Amino acid sequence: MLPDSAATQKTLIFDPIPRVDGIEPSADPLFQLRAATYLLSGRRRRQAP
């Protein structure tokens, strides 16, 4: 465990879509929905005390 684990967790956001040049995401529409959901979750986590 990191000494600043709680602070580190507030900055991390999982992104299911590969954001690398040359790698294209699947055509599965759930990837976009999941990416948006994880982004909202990360924003809420950062605002939590």
C-alpha atoms as a PDB file:
ATOM      1  CA  MET A   1       0.000   0.000   0.000  1.00  0.00           C
ATOM      2  CA  LEU A   2       1.218   3.493  -0.810  1.00  0.00           C
ATOM      3  CA  PRO A   3       1.574   6.025   2.006  1.00  0.00           C
ATOM      4  CA  ASP A   4      -0.688   8.427   0.072  1.00  0.00           C
ATOM      5  CA  SER A   5      -3.001   5.736  -1.282  1.00  0.00           C
ATOM      6  CA  ALA A   6      -6.223   7.693  -0.683  1.00  0.00           C
ATOM      7  CA  ALA A   7      -4.865  10.727  -2.528  1.00  0.00           C
ATOM      8  CA  THR A   8      -3.552   8.568  -5.373  1.00  0.00           C
ATOM      9  CA  GLN A   9      -6.896   6.794  -5.756  1.00  0.00           C
ATOM     10  CA  LYS A  10      -8.645  10.125  -6.263  1.00  0.00           C
ATOM     11  CA  THR A  11      -6.448  10.891  -9.284  1.00  0.00           C
ATOM     12  CA  LEU A  12      -6.787   7.560 -11.119  1.00  0.00           C
ATOM     13  CA  ILE A  13      -9.467   6.921 -13.698  1.00  0.00           C
ATOM     14  CA  PHE A  14      -9.759   3.624 -15.544  1.00  0.00           C
ATOM     15  CA  ASP A  15     -10.357   4.082 -19.269  1.00  0.00           C
ATOM     16  CA  PRO A  16     -11.529   0.967 -21.152  1.00  0.00           C
ATOM     17  CA  ILE A  17     -10.752   2.592 -24.515  1.00  0.00           C
ATOM     18  CA  PRO A  18      -7.138   2.325 -25.685  1.00  0.00           C
ATOM     19  CA  ARG A  19      -5.834   5.865 -26.234  1.00  0.00           C
ATOM     20  CA  VAL A  20      -2.716   4.872 -28.148  1.00  0.00           C
ATOM     21  CA  ASP A  21      -1.903   5.872 -31.710  1.00  0.00           C
ATOM     22  CA  GLY A  22      -2.335   2.896 -34.013  1.00  0.00           C
ATOM     23  CA  ILE A  23      -4.671   0.959 -31.696  1.00  0.00           C
ATOM     24  CA  GLU A  24      -8.330   1.356 -32.454  1.00  0.00           C
ATOM     25  CA  PRO A  25     -11.057   0.493 -29.938  1.00  0.00           C
ATOM     26  CA  SER A  26     -13.593  -2.195 -30.645  1.00  0.00           C
ATOM     27  CA  ALA A  27     -16.842  -1.141 -32.301  1.00  0.00           C
ATOM     28  CA  ASP A  28     -18.688  -2.298 -29.176  1.00  0.00           C
ATOM     29  CA  PRO A  29     -20.916   0.655 -28.135  1.00  0.00           C
ATOM     30  CA  LEU A  30     -20.534  -0.269 -24.470  1.00  0.00           C
ATOM     31  CA  PHE A  31     -16.929   0.944 -24.502  1.00  0.00           C
ATOM     32  CA  GLN A  32     -18.057   4.553 -24.963  1.00  0.00           C
ATOM     33  CA  LEU A  33     -20.691   4.181 -22.250  1.00  0.00           C
ATOM     34  CA  ARG A  34     -18.209   2.603 -19.829  1.00  0.00           C
ATOM     35  CA  ALA A  35     -15.602   5.284 -20.528  1.00  0.00           C
ATOM     36  CA  ALA A  36     -18.145   8.037 -19.799  1.00  0.00           C
ATOM     37  CA  THR A  37     -19.289   6.282 -16.619  1.00  0.00           C
ATOM     38  CA  TYR A  38     -15.736   5.854 -15.313  1.00  0.00           C
ATOM     39  CA  LEU A  39     -15.025   9.527 -16.049  1.00  0.00           C
ATOM     40  CA  LEU A  40     -18.074  10.635 -14.031  1.00  0.00           C
ATOM     41  CA  SER A  41     -17.124   8.286 -11.215  1.00  0.00           C
ATOM     42  CA  GLY A  42     -13.586   9.690 -11.130  1.00  0.00           C
ATOM     43  CA  ARG A  43     -14.859  13.261 -11.022  1.00  0.00           C
ATOM     44  CA  ARG A  44     -17.143  12.431  -8.081  1.00  0.00           C
ATOM     45  CA  ARG A  45     -14.336  10.625  -6.280  1.00  0.00           C
ATOM     46  CA  ARG A  46     -12.065  13.681  -6.618  1.00  0.00           C
ATOM     47  CA  GLN A  47     -14.744  15.936  -5.125  1.00  0.00           C
ATOM     48  CA  ALA A  48     -15.356  13.652  -2.135  1.00  0.00           C
ATOM     49  CA  PRO A  49     -13.794  14.717   1.165  1.00  0.00           C
END
